[in-house]
Amino acid sequence: MGAMKKWIIMTCILLAAGLQTTQGGTGWETNYDKAVEKAKADGKYLLLDFSGSDWCGWCIRLDKEVFRKKAFKSYAEGKLELVLLDFPNRKKQTKQEKERNAALAQKFGVQGFPTVLLLSPDEKLVGRTGYQRGGPKPYVEHLEEMVKAYEKKHGAPQKPEPKNEEQPTGSATKPAS
């Protein structure tokens, strides 16, 4: 087999692998409003990933080197509501999803990919970042630095009080007979 033929086969394999990128596997919400509701209810920060998941090389690297790794997933599980706002070339999206993602990109001033925004549970900007070398540990440390700086200035977000719809104890009444 000639060198050119081998190169073409390898290129096709690499492209196919890139097409199968699914943003960190599970745990990524694509509905911004739903994610905001969850973040407010749980007192979590929002991590918005504006990505070109099937064509942007740096987006694909960020996903593979950070978002798919166990260390990042473990960190995110208790602290972040993960939101993928995707701008793919080949993946199918509804017209509504495309329009919503474009409106959010405009709202937050996104001009390139990947753009990663960290928001407070009440949607205030905590920090803006993108791809960074080094894997999940330095990335998590970078996010934590942003959170600490934000909380030093604004205080930590408060988790809402759980709504207790049960009758208070001591006030039960005996049913009438």
C-alpha atoms as a PDB file:
ATOM      1  CA  MET A   1       0.000   0.000   0.000  1.00  0.00           C
ATOM      2  CA  GLY A   2       1.411   3.381  -0.983  1.00  0.00           C
ATOM      3  CA  ALA A   3       2.186   6.154   1.474  1.00  0.00           C
ATOM      4  CA  MET A   4      -0.573   8.368   0.032  1.00  0.00           C
ATOM      5  CA  LYS A   5      -3.184   5.639   0.433  1.00  0.00           C
ATOM      6  CA  LYS A   6      -2.128   5.036   4.062  1.00  0.00           C
ATOM      7  CA  TRP A   7      -2.326   8.774   4.740  1.00  0.00           C
ATOM      8  CA  ILE A   8      -5.851   8.969   3.283  1.00  0.00           C
ATOM      9  CA  ILE A   9      -7.020   5.985   5.362  1.00  0.00           C
ATOM     10  CA  MET A  10      -5.539   7.451   8.573  1.00  0.00           C
ATOM     11  CA  THR A  11      -7.145  10.829   7.827  1.00  0.00           C
ATOM     12  CA  CYS A  12     -10.541   9.177   7.337  1.00  0.00           C
ATOM     13  CA  ILE A  13     -10.173   7.272  10.627  1.00  0.00           C
ATOM     14  CA  LEU A  14      -9.244  10.444  12.517  1.00  0.00           C
ATOM     15  CA  LEU A  15     -12.129  12.384  10.963  1.00  0.00           C
ATOM     16  CA  ALA A  16     -14.569   9.617  11.863  1.00  0.00           C
ATOM     17  CA  ALA A  17     -13.312   9.672  15.454  1.00  0.00           C
ATOM     18  CA  GLY A  18     -13.852  13.422  15.567  1.00  0.00           C
ATOM     19  CA  LEU A  19     -17.409  13.048  14.300  1.00  0.00           C
ATOM     20  CA  GLN A  20     -18.266  10.818  17.225  1.00  0.00           C
ATOM     21  CA  THR A  21     -17.368  13.439  19.826  1.00  0.00           C
ATOM     22  CA  THR A  22     -20.179  13.645  22.368  1.00  0.00           C
ATOM     23  CA  GLN A  23     -19.161  16.410  24.726  1.00  0.00           C
ATOM     24  CA  GLY A  24     -17.804  14.671  27.748  1.00  0.00           C
ATOM     25  CA  GLY A  25     -20.281  11.834  27.455  1.00  0.00           C
ATOM     26  CA  THR A  26     -23.232  12.220  29.790  1.00  0.00           C
ATOM     27  CA  GLY A  27     -24.115  15.039  32.122  1.00  0.00           C
ATOM     28  CA  TRP A  28     -24.216  17.883  29.594  1.00  0.00           C
ATOM     29  CA  GLU A  29     -27.480  19.772  29.261  1.00  0.00           C
ATOM     30  CA  THR A  30     -28.260  21.422  25.920  1.00  0.00           C
ATOM     31  CA  ASN A  31     -31.254  23.384  27.176  1.00  0.00           C
ATOM     32  CA  TYR A  32     -29.935  26.563  28.805  1.00  0.00           C
ATOM     33  CA  ASP A  33     -33.176  27.455  30.612  1.00  0.00           C
ATOM     34  CA  LYS A  34     -33.474  23.986  32.119  1.00  0.00           C
ATOM     35  CA  ALA A  35     -29.846  24.147  33.281  1.00  0.00           C
ATOM     36  CA  VAL A  36     -30.405  27.553  34.893  1.00  0.00           C
ATOM     37  CA  GLU A  37     -33.416  26.184  36.799  1.00  0.00           C
ATOM     38  CA  LYS A  38     -31.330  23.244  38.074  1.00  0.00           C
ATOM     39  CA  ALA A  39     -28.401  25.493  39.005  1.00  0.00           C
ATOM     40  CA  LYS A  40     -30.633  27.831  40.991  1.00  0.00           C
ATOM     41  CA  ALA A  41     -32.371  24.932  42.748  1.00  0.00           C
ATOM     42  CA  ASP A  42     -29.075  23.246  43.661  1.00  0.00           C
ATOM     43  CA  GLY A  43     -26.931  26.352  44.259  1.00  0.00           C
ATOM     44  CA  LYS A  44     -24.468  25.245  41.539  1.00  0.00           C
ATOM     45  CA  TYR A  45     -22.412  27.279  39.120  1.00  0.00           C
ATOM     46  CA  LEU A  46     -23.130  27.006  35.390  1.00  0.00           C
ATOM     47  CA  LEU A  47     -20.340  26.029  33.009  1.00  0.00           C
ATOM     48  CA  LEU A  48     -21.303  27.010  29.464  1.00  0.00           C
ATOM     49  CA  ASP A  49     -19.272  25.430  26.673  1.00  0.00           C
ATOM     50  CA  PHE A  50     -19.767  27.245  23.377  1.00  0.00           C
ATOM     51  CA  SER A  51     -18.352  24.647  21.017  1.00  0.00           C
ATOM     52  CA  GLY A  52     -18.027  23.591  17.414  1.00  0.00           C
ATOM     53  CA  SER A  53     -17.957  19.985  18.589  1.00  0.00           C
ATOM     54  CA  ASP A  54     -17.580  18.319  15.209  1.00  0.00           C
ATOM     55  CA  TRP A  55     -15.227  20.703  13.412  1.00  0.00           C
ATOM     56  CA  CYS A  56     -13.291  22.887  15.893  1.00  0.00           C
ATOM     57  CA  GLY A  57      -9.954  21.268  16.721  1.00  0.00           C
ATOM     58  CA  TRP A  58      -9.487  23.111  20.031  1.00  0.00           C
ATOM     59  CA  CYS A  59     -13.056  22.251  21.079  1.00  0.00           C
ATOM     60  CA  ILE A  60     -12.455  18.579  20.370  1.00  0.00           C
ATOM     61  CA  ARG A  61      -9.166  18.685  22.309  1.00  0.00           C
ATOM     62  CA  LEU A  62     -10.830  20.397  25.289  1.00  0.00           C
ATOM     63  CA  ASP A  63     -13.531  17.738  25.324  1.00  0.00           C
ATOM     64  CA  LYS A  64     -11.072  14.831  25.087  1.00  0.00           C
ATOM     65  CA  GLU A  65      -8.355  16.226  27.367  1.00  0.00           C
ATOM     66  CA  VAL A  66     -10.570  17.732  30.081  1.00  0.00           C
ATOM     67  CA  PHE A  67     -14.334  17.229  29.917  1.00  0.00           C
ATOM     68  CA  ARG A  68     -14.236  13.460  29.337  1.00  0.00           C
ATOM     69  CA  LYS A  69     -11.781  12.805  32.149  1.00  0.00           C
ATOM     70  CA  LYS A  70     -12.881  11.323  35.461  1.00  0.00           C
ATOM     71  CA  ALA A  71     -11.123  14.064  37.473  1.00  0.00           C
ATOM     72  CA  PHE A  72     -13.165  16.774  35.757  1.00  0.00           C
ATOM     73  CA  LYS A  73     -16.419  14.820  35.948  1.00  0.00           C
ATOM     74  CA  SER A  74     -15.922  14.189  39.681  1.00  0.00           C
ATOM     75  CA  TYR A  75     -15.322  17.886  40.305  1.00  0.00           C
ATOM     76  CA  ALA A  76     -18.236  19.000  38.147  1.00  0.00           C
ATOM     77  CA  GLU A  77     -20.730  16.547  39.632  1.00  0.00           C
ATOM     78  CA  GLY A  78     -21.139  18.399  42.896  1.00  0.00           C
ATOM     79  CA  LYS A  79     -20.370  21.948  41.823  1.00  0.00           C
ATOM     80  CA  LEU A  80     -21.369  22.618  38.217  1.00  0.00           C
ATOM     81  CA  GLU A  81     -24.340  22.466  35.936  1.00  0.00           C
ATOM     82  CA  LEU A  82     -22.749  21.652  32.556  1.00  0.00           C
ATOM     83  CA  VAL A  83     -24.267  23.241  29.458  1.00  0.00           C
ATOM     84  CA  LEU A  84     -23.225  22.497  25.867  1.00  0.00           C
ATOM     85  CA  LEU A  85     -24.127  25.264  23.424  1.00  0.00           C
ATOM     86  CA  ASP A  86     -23.031  23.661  20.184  1.00  0.00           C
ATOM     87  CA  PHE A  87     -22.465  25.083  16.711  1.00  0.00           C
ATOM     88  CA  PRO A  88     -21.766  21.920  14.689  1.00  0.00           C
ATOM     89  CA  ASN A  89     -21.319  21.595  10.943  1.00  0.00           C
ATOM     90  CA  ARG A  90     -22.487  18.000  10.513  1.00  0.00           C
ATOM     91  CA  LYS A  91     -24.548  17.134  13.594  1.00  0.00           C
ATOM     92  CA  LYS A  92     -28.266  17.694  13.306  1.00  0.00           C
ATOM     93  CA  GLN A  93     -29.917  20.359  15.450  1.00  0.00           C
ATOM     94  CA  THR A  94     -33.424  21.732  15.471  1.00  0.00           C
ATOM     95  CA  LYS A  95     -33.966  25.232  14.140  1.00  0.00           C
ATOM     96  CA  GLN A  96     -35.026  26.260  17.664  1.00  0.00           C
ATOM     97  CA  GLU A  97     -31.784  24.940  19.195  1.00  0.00           C
ATOM     98  CA  LYS A  98     -29.668  26.732  16.560  1.00  0.00           C
ATOM     99  CA  GLU A  99     -31.506  30.009  17.147  1.00  0.00           C
ATOM    100  CA  ARG A 100     -31.318  29.689  20.949  1.00  0.00           C
ATOM    101  CA  ASN A 101     -27.572  28.952  20.857  1.00  0.00           C
ATOM    102  CA  ALA A 102     -26.947  31.879  18.493  1.00  0.00           C
ATOM    103  CA  ALA A 103     -28.927  34.225  20.756  1.00  0.00           C
ATOM    104  CA  LEU A 104     -26.928  33.068  23.806  1.00  0.00           C
ATOM    105  CA  ALA A 105     -23.638  33.503  21.935  1.00  0.00           C
ATOM    106  CA  GLN A 106     -24.681  37.056  21.098  1.00  0.00           C
ATOM    107  CA  LYS A 107     -25.871  37.747  24.657  1.00  0.00           C
ATOM    108  CA  PHE A 108     -22.529  36.636  26.119  1.00  0.00           C
ATOM    109  CA  GLY A 109     -20.327  38.153  23.390  1.00  0.00           C
ATOM    110  CA  VAL A 110     -18.931  34.854  22.125  1.00  0.00           C
ATOM    111  CA  GLN A 111     -16.690  35.424  19.106  1.00  0.00           C
ATOM    112  CA  GLY A 112     -14.722  32.179  18.862  1.00  0.00           C
ATOM    113  CA  PHE A 113     -14.677  28.540  19.837  1.00  0.00           C
ATOM    114  CA  PRO A 114     -14.247  27.118  22.324  1.00  0.00           C
ATOM    115  CA  THR A 115     -15.509  29.789  24.687  1.00  0.00           C
ATOM    116  CA  VAL A 116     -16.188  28.540  28.188  1.00  0.00           C
ATOM    117  CA  LEU A 117     -18.137  30.740  30.569  1.00  0.00           C
ATOM    118  CA  LEU A 118     -18.561  30.174  34.266  1.00  0.00           C
ATOM    119  CA  LEU A 119     -21.744  31.751  35.645  1.00  0.00           C
ATOM    120  CA  SER A 120     -23.138  32.010  39.141  1.00  0.00           C
ATOM    121  CA  PRO A 121     -26.465  30.264  39.830  1.00  0.00           C
ATOM    122  CA  ASP A 122     -28.159  33.625  39.228  1.00  0.00           C
ATOM    123  CA  GLU A 123     -26.434  33.933  35.822  1.00  0.00           C
ATOM    124  CA  LYS A 124     -23.770  36.514  36.702  1.00  0.00           C
ATOM    125  CA  LEU A 125     -20.455  36.139  34.879  1.00  0.00           C
ATOM    126  CA  VAL A 126     -17.813  34.568  37.119  1.00  0.00           C
ATOM    127  CA  GLY A 127     -15.172  34.052  34.433  1.00  0.00           C
ATOM    128  CA  ARG A 128     -14.385  33.394  30.784  1.00  0.00           C
ATOM    129  CA  THR A 129     -11.887  30.884  29.480  1.00  0.00           C
ATOM    130  CA  GLY A 130     -11.307  28.374  26.686  1.00  0.00           C
ATOM    131  CA  TYR A 131      -8.896  25.574  25.907  1.00  0.00           C
ATOM    132  CA  GLN A 132      -5.909  25.246  28.220  1.00  0.00           C
ATOM    133  CA  ARG A 133      -3.145  22.671  28.082  1.00  0.00           C
ATOM    134  CA  GLY A 134      -2.488  20.325  30.951  1.00  0.00           C
ATOM    135  CA  GLY A 135      -5.587  18.188  31.341  1.00  0.00           C
ATOM    136  CA  PRO A 136      -8.319  18.193  33.976  1.00  0.00           C
ATOM    137  CA  LYS A 137      -6.342  19.010  37.131  1.00  0.00           C
ATOM    138  CA  PRO A 138      -5.024  22.434  36.007  1.00  0.00           C
ATOM    139  CA  TYR A 139      -8.374  23.167  34.363  1.00  0.00           C
ATOM    140  CA  VAL A 140     -10.262  22.486  37.591  1.00  0.00           C
ATOM    141  CA  GLU A 141      -7.737  24.615  39.499  1.00  0.00           C
ATOM    142  CA  HIS A 142      -8.298  27.430  36.991  1.00  0.00           C
ATOM    143  CA  LEU A 143     -12.085  27.206  37.466  1.00  0.00           C
ATOM    144  CA  GLU A 144     -11.661  27.150  41.255  1.00  0.00           C
ATOM    145  CA  GLU A 145      -9.513  30.310  41.093  1.00  0.00           C
ATOM    146  CA  MET A 146     -12.317  32.060  39.211  1.00  0.00           C
ATOM    147  CA  VAL A 147     -14.893  30.873  41.766  1.00  0.00           C
ATOM    148  CA  LYS A 148     -12.759  31.984  44.731  1.00  0.00           C
ATOM    149  CA  ALA A 149     -12.193  35.449  43.230  1.00  0.00           C
ATOM    150  CA  TYR A 150     -15.918  35.797  42.529  1.00  0.00           C
ATOM    151  CA  GLU A 151     -16.945  34.613  45.999  1.00  0.00           C
ATOM    152  CA  LYS A 152     -14.404  36.914  47.666  1.00  0.00           C
ATOM    153  CA  LYS A 153     -16.077  39.850  45.938  1.00  0.00           C
ATOM    154  CA  HIS A 154     -19.742  38.728  45.946  1.00  0.00           C
ATOM    155  CA  GLY A 155     -20.022  35.974  48.553  1.00  0.00           C
ATOM    156  CA  ALA A 156     -20.815  32.324  47.965  1.00  0.00           C
ATOM    157  CA  PRO A 157     -24.151  31.500  46.365  1.00  0.00           C
ATOM    158  CA  GLN A 158     -26.734  30.324  48.831  1.00  0.00           C
ATOM    159  CA  LYS A 159     -28.510  27.063  48.223  1.00  0.00           C
ATOM    160  CA  PRO A 160     -32.252  27.686  48.449  1.00  0.00           C
ATOM    161  CA  GLU A 161     -34.127  26.371  51.460  1.00  0.00           C
ATOM    162  CA  PRO A 162     -36.000  23.161  50.656  1.00  0.00           C
ATOM    163  CA  LYS A 163     -39.730  23.631  50.496  1.00  0.00           C
ATOM    164  CA  ASN A 164     -41.406  21.543  53.167  1.00  0.00           C
ATOM    165  CA  GLU A 165     -45.012  20.962  52.287  1.00  0.00           C
ATOM    166  CA  GLU A 166     -45.696  18.619  55.208  1.00  0.00           C
ATOM    167  CA  GLN A 167     -47.857  19.747  58.071  1.00  0.00           C
ATOM    168  CA  PRO A 168     -45.830  21.075  60.996  1.00  0.00           C
ATOM    169  CA  THR A 169     -45.443  18.591  63.839  1.00  0.00           C
ATOM    170  CA  GLY A 170     -47.702  19.057  66.823  1.00  0.00           C
ATOM    171  CA  SER A 171     -50.554  20.506  64.813  1.00  0.00           C
ATOM    172  CA  ALA A 172     -52.111  17.322  63.475  1.00  0.00           C
ATOM    173  CA  THR A 173     -55.821  17.134  64.004  1.00  0.00           C
ATOM    174  CA  LYS A 174     -57.844  14.062  64.731  1.00  0.00           C
ATOM    175  CA  PRO A 175     -60.220  13.289  61.891  1.00  0.00           C
ATOM    176  CA  ALA A 176     -63.854  13.873  62.720  1.00  0.00           C
ATOM    177  CA  SER A 177     -65.854  10.697  63.375  1.00  0.00           C
END
